[in-house]
């Protein structure tokens, strides 16, 4: 994440994230979230198949 220095009224130098770095972070978080959702959906489908197989027996 990129940061840019800022000087608030008190004169303390703080680091603030840039808008571009925030956008990149959100893109990465969204991509990771979508991967997690896909993984969970695969697990749910596998468990549904297992359950259907158990019910048939």
Protein backbone atom coordinates (compact mmCIF):
# COMPACT_ATOMS: atom_id res chain seq x y z
CA UNK A 1 0.00 0.00 0.00
CA UNK A 2 1.38 3.38 -0.90
CA UNK A 3 1.26 6.23 1.56
CA UNK A 4 1.71 9.95 1.11
CA UNK A 5 2.86 12.25 3.91
CA UNK A 6 0.42 14.84 5.19
CA UNK A 7 0.79 17.68 7.65
CA UNK A 8 -2.32 18.25 9.73
CA UNK A 9 -2.90 21.49 11.65
CA UNK A 10 -0.88 20.16 14.59
CA UNK A 11 2.21 19.81 12.40
CA UNK A 12 2.67 16.08 13.01
CA UNK A 13 3.70 14.19 9.90
CA UNK A 14 1.23 11.35 9.33
CA UNK A 15 1.01 8.88 6.48
CA UNK A 16 -2.26 8.65 4.58
CA UNK A 17 -3.03 5.95 2.01
CA UNK A 18 -3.51 7.21 -1.53
CA UNK A 19 -6.77 6.65 -3.39
CA UNK A 20 -4.99 4.39 -5.91
CA UNK A 21 -3.56 2.19 -3.18
CA UNK A 22 -7.02 1.92 -1.61
CA UNK A 23 -8.50 0.87 -4.96
CA UNK A 24 -5.80 -1.79 -5.40
CA UNK A 25 -6.37 -3.06 -1.88
CA UNK A 26 -10.12 -3.32 -2.50
CA UNK A 27 -9.49 -5.19 -5.76
CA UNK A 28 -7.25 -7.68 -3.96
CA UNK A 29 -9.72 -8.12 -1.11
CA UNK A 30 -12.53 -8.68 -3.60
CA UNK A 31 -10.50 -11.26 -5.53
CA UNK A 32 -9.65 -13.15 -2.33
CA UNK A 33 -13.28 -13.01 -1.24
CA UNK A 34 -14.45 -14.42 -4.58
CA UNK A 35 -11.91 -17.26 -4.29
CA UNK A 36 -13.16 -18.07 -0.79
CA UNK A 37 -16.78 -18.07 -1.97
CA UNK A 38 -15.91 -20.40 -4.86
CA UNK A 39 -14.07 -22.75 -2.49
CA UNK A 40 -17.01 -22.82 -0.09
CA UNK A 41 -19.45 -23.46 -2.96
CA UNK A 42 -17.35 -26.45 -4.07
CA UNK A 43 -17.37 -27.80 -0.50
CA UNK A 44 -21.14 -27.35 -0.26
CA UNK A 45 -21.67 -29.21 -3.53
CA UNK A 46 -19.39 -32.04 -2.41
CA UNK A 47 -21.30 -32.34 0.88
CA UNK A 48 -24.63 -32.31 -0.97
CA UNK A 49 -23.45 -35.17 -3.20
CA UNK A 50 -22.31 -37.12 -0.13
CA UNK A 51 -25.65 -36.52 1.56
CA UNK A 52 -27.60 -37.62 -1.52
CA UNK A 53 -25.49 -40.79 -1.69
CA UNK A 54 -26.18 -41.53 1.99
CA UNK A 55 -29.93 -41.00 1.59
CA UNK A 56 -30.10 -43.36 -1.41
CA UNK A 57 -28.59 -46.26 0.56
